[in-house]
N, C-alpha and C. Protein backbone atom coordinates (compact mmCIF):
# COMPACT_ATOMS: atom_id res chain seq x y z
N MET A 1 -24.05 -5.78 5.46
CA MET A 1 -24.26 -6.19 6.83
C MET A 1 -23.12 -5.66 7.71
N ALA A 2 -23.49 -4.94 8.74
CA ALA A 2 -22.49 -4.37 9.64
C ALA A 2 -22.09 -5.39 10.70
N LEU A 3 -20.84 -5.37 11.07
CA LEU A 3 -20.34 -6.28 12.10
C LEU A 3 -20.75 -5.77 13.48
N SER A 4 -21.01 -6.69 14.37
CA SER A 4 -21.32 -6.29 15.74
C SER A 4 -20.04 -5.79 16.42
N TYR A 5 -20.23 -5.16 17.56
CA TYR A 5 -19.08 -4.63 18.30
C TYR A 5 -18.11 -5.75 18.67
N LYS A 6 -18.66 -6.89 19.15
CA LYS A 6 -17.80 -8.01 19.53
C LYS A 6 -17.02 -8.57 18.33
N ALA A 7 -17.68 -8.67 17.21
CA ALA A 7 -17.01 -9.19 16.01
C ALA A 7 -15.92 -8.22 15.54
N ARG A 8 -16.22 -6.92 15.56
CA ARG A 8 -15.20 -5.95 15.16
C ARG A 8 -14.01 -5.98 16.14
N ARG A 9 -14.32 -6.17 17.40
CA ARG A 9 -13.24 -6.24 18.41
C ARG A 9 -12.36 -7.46 18.17
N ARG A 10 -12.97 -8.60 17.88
CA ARG A 10 -12.18 -9.81 17.61
C ARG A 10 -11.36 -9.68 16.34
N TRP A 11 -11.98 -9.15 15.28
CA TRP A 11 -11.26 -8.99 14.01
C TRP A 11 -10.14 -7.97 14.15
N SER A 12 -10.33 -6.91 14.92
CA SER A 12 -9.26 -5.94 15.11
C SER A 12 -8.10 -6.54 15.87
N LEU A 13 -8.41 -7.38 16.87
CA LEU A 13 -7.35 -8.06 17.62
C LEU A 13 -6.58 -9.02 16.71
N PHE A 14 -7.29 -9.75 15.87
CA PHE A 14 -6.66 -10.66 14.91
C PHE A 14 -5.77 -9.89 13.95
N ALA A 15 -6.28 -8.74 13.45
CA ALA A 15 -5.52 -7.93 12.51
C ALA A 15 -4.23 -7.41 13.14
N LEU A 16 -4.30 -7.01 14.40
CA LEU A 16 -3.12 -6.46 15.06
C LEU A 16 -2.12 -7.54 15.49
N LEU A 17 -2.60 -8.69 15.91
CA LEU A 17 -1.70 -9.73 16.42
C LEU A 17 -1.18 -10.68 15.34
N VAL A 18 -1.93 -10.87 14.27
CA VAL A 18 -1.51 -11.80 13.23
C VAL A 18 -1.25 -11.06 11.90
N GLY A 19 -2.20 -10.24 11.50
CA GLY A 19 -2.10 -9.59 10.20
C GLY A 19 -0.99 -8.57 10.10
N LEU A 20 -0.86 -7.72 11.10
CA LEU A 20 0.16 -6.68 11.04
C LEU A 20 1.59 -7.23 11.04
N PRO A 21 1.93 -8.21 11.91
CA PRO A 21 3.28 -8.78 11.80
C PRO A 21 3.53 -9.45 10.46
N ALA A 22 2.52 -10.13 9.93
CA ALA A 22 2.68 -10.76 8.61
C ALA A 22 2.88 -9.70 7.53
N TYR A 23 2.14 -8.60 7.61
CA TYR A 23 2.29 -7.50 6.66
C TYR A 23 3.70 -6.91 6.75
N ILE A 24 4.20 -6.73 7.94
CA ILE A 24 5.55 -6.16 8.14
C ILE A 24 6.61 -7.09 7.52
N ILE A 25 6.47 -8.39 7.75
CA ILE A 25 7.43 -9.35 7.20
C ILE A 25 7.39 -9.32 5.68
N VAL A 26 6.21 -9.30 5.10
CA VAL A 26 6.08 -9.26 3.65
C VAL A 26 6.65 -7.95 3.09
N ALA A 27 6.33 -6.83 3.71
CA ALA A 27 6.79 -5.53 3.22
C ALA A 27 8.32 -5.45 3.27
N VAL A 28 8.93 -5.88 4.35
CA VAL A 28 10.39 -5.82 4.49
C VAL A 28 11.04 -6.79 3.51
N SER A 29 10.43 -7.94 3.31
CA SER A 29 10.98 -8.93 2.37
C SER A 29 10.93 -8.40 0.94
N VAL A 30 9.84 -7.80 0.55
CA VAL A 30 9.71 -7.25 -0.81
C VAL A 30 10.68 -6.12 -1.02
N ILE A 31 10.81 -5.22 -0.05
CA ILE A 31 11.76 -4.11 -0.17
C ILE A 31 13.19 -4.65 -0.25
N GLY A 32 13.46 -5.74 0.45
CA GLY A 32 14.79 -6.33 0.45
C GLY A 32 15.19 -6.95 -0.87
N LEU A 33 14.22 -7.23 -1.74
CA LEU A 33 14.52 -7.81 -3.05
C LEU A 33 15.19 -6.81 -3.99
N PHE A 34 15.02 -5.54 -3.74
CA PHE A 34 15.58 -4.48 -4.58
C PHE A 34 16.85 -3.95 -3.98
N ASP A 35 17.65 -3.27 -4.82
CA ASP A 35 18.82 -2.58 -4.30
C ASP A 35 18.37 -1.52 -3.33
N ARG A 36 19.20 -1.25 -2.34
CA ARG A 36 18.82 -0.28 -1.33
C ARG A 36 18.75 1.11 -1.94
N PRO A 37 17.58 1.75 -1.83
CA PRO A 37 17.42 3.10 -2.38
C PRO A 37 18.10 4.13 -1.46
N PRO A 38 18.15 5.38 -1.89
CA PRO A 38 18.66 6.42 -1.00
C PRO A 38 17.83 6.48 0.30
N PHE A 39 18.46 6.99 1.34
CA PHE A 39 17.81 7.01 2.65
C PHE A 39 16.45 7.68 2.62
N TRP A 40 16.35 8.84 1.98
CA TRP A 40 15.09 9.58 1.97
C TRP A 40 13.97 8.81 1.26
N LEU A 41 14.31 8.11 0.19
CA LEU A 41 13.31 7.32 -0.54
C LEU A 41 12.89 6.10 0.28
N GLU A 42 13.85 5.49 0.93
CA GLU A 42 13.54 4.35 1.80
C GLU A 42 12.62 4.78 2.95
N LEU A 43 12.89 5.94 3.50
CA LEU A 43 12.05 6.49 4.57
C LEU A 43 10.64 6.73 4.08
N VAL A 44 10.50 7.33 2.89
CA VAL A 44 9.18 7.59 2.33
C VAL A 44 8.43 6.27 2.08
N ILE A 45 9.11 5.27 1.57
CA ILE A 45 8.49 3.97 1.31
C ILE A 45 7.97 3.36 2.60
N TYR A 46 8.79 3.35 3.64
CA TYR A 46 8.38 2.74 4.92
C TYR A 46 7.28 3.53 5.60
N VAL A 47 7.32 4.84 5.51
CA VAL A 47 6.22 5.65 6.09
C VAL A 47 4.93 5.37 5.34
N PHE A 48 5.00 5.32 4.02
CA PHE A 48 3.82 5.01 3.21
C PHE A 48 3.26 3.63 3.56
N LEU A 49 4.12 2.62 3.61
CA LEU A 49 3.67 1.27 3.96
C LEU A 49 3.17 1.19 5.40
N GLY A 50 3.72 2.00 6.27
CA GLY A 50 3.29 2.01 7.67
C GLY A 50 1.94 2.64 7.88
N VAL A 51 1.50 3.48 6.97
CA VAL A 51 0.20 4.13 7.09
C VAL A 51 -0.87 3.43 6.28
N ILE A 52 -0.51 2.93 5.10
CA ILE A 52 -1.49 2.42 4.14
C ILE A 52 -2.20 1.16 4.64
N TRP A 53 -1.61 0.38 5.52
CA TRP A 53 -2.22 -0.87 5.97
C TRP A 53 -3.50 -0.60 6.74
N ALA A 54 -3.64 0.54 7.38
CA ALA A 54 -4.79 0.81 8.24
C ALA A 54 -6.04 1.21 7.46
N PHE A 55 -5.89 1.75 6.28
CA PHE A 55 -7.05 2.23 5.54
C PHE A 55 -8.07 1.14 5.22
N PRO A 56 -7.68 -0.03 4.74
CA PRO A 56 -8.69 -1.06 4.50
C PRO A 56 -9.37 -1.57 5.78
N LEU A 57 -8.71 -1.41 6.92
CA LEU A 57 -9.24 -1.90 8.18
C LEU A 57 -9.94 -0.82 9.00
N LYS A 58 -10.14 0.34 8.43
CA LYS A 58 -10.72 1.48 9.14
C LYS A 58 -12.07 1.14 9.74
N ALA A 59 -12.92 0.43 8.99
CA ALA A 59 -14.26 0.09 9.48
C ALA A 59 -14.20 -0.85 10.68
N ILE A 60 -13.20 -1.71 10.71
CA ILE A 60 -13.08 -2.66 11.82
C ILE A 60 -12.62 -1.95 13.09
N PHE A 61 -11.69 -1.00 12.96
CA PHE A 61 -11.12 -0.32 14.12
C PHE A 61 -12.01 0.80 14.67
N LYS A 62 -12.99 1.23 13.93
CA LYS A 62 -13.81 2.38 14.32
C LYS A 62 -14.59 2.08 15.61
N GLY A 63 -14.35 2.86 16.64
CA GLY A 63 -15.08 2.76 17.89
C GLY A 63 -14.67 1.64 18.82
N ILE A 64 -13.60 0.95 18.52
CA ILE A 64 -13.17 -0.20 19.35
C ILE A 64 -12.71 0.25 20.73
N GLY A 65 -12.10 1.41 20.85
CA GLY A 65 -11.59 1.87 22.13
C GLY A 65 -12.67 2.40 23.08
N GLN A 66 -13.90 2.46 22.64
CA GLN A 66 -14.98 2.97 23.46
C GLN A 66 -15.74 1.81 24.11
N ALA A 67 -16.62 2.15 25.00
CA ALA A 67 -17.44 1.12 25.69
C ALA A 67 -18.38 0.47 24.67
N ASP A 68 -18.76 -0.76 24.98
CA ASP A 68 -19.67 -1.52 24.11
C ASP A 68 -21.02 -0.79 24.03
N PRO A 69 -21.42 -0.36 22.84
CA PRO A 69 -22.69 0.36 22.73
C PRO A 69 -23.91 -0.53 22.94
N ASP A 70 -23.74 -1.84 22.83
CA ASP A 70 -24.86 -2.77 23.04
C ASP A 70 -25.07 -3.14 24.50
N ALA A 71 -24.09 -2.81 25.35
CA ALA A 71 -24.19 -3.20 26.75
C ALA A 71 -25.08 -2.25 27.54
């Protein structure tokens, strides 16, 4: 079952306002549990974590910036 435009818009807003800050806090906390790696490895880890969060939410964000197709 596909989500309506309004539902995708609401879920994307929830993901950006609640989910993303929570993800950032968890990611930084988990990385903080380990000894600090070299700068280049730390950079790779944060870039990877900064990109990977969006892939599961791709279907929700698709077409949100466009006009409502049902209107």
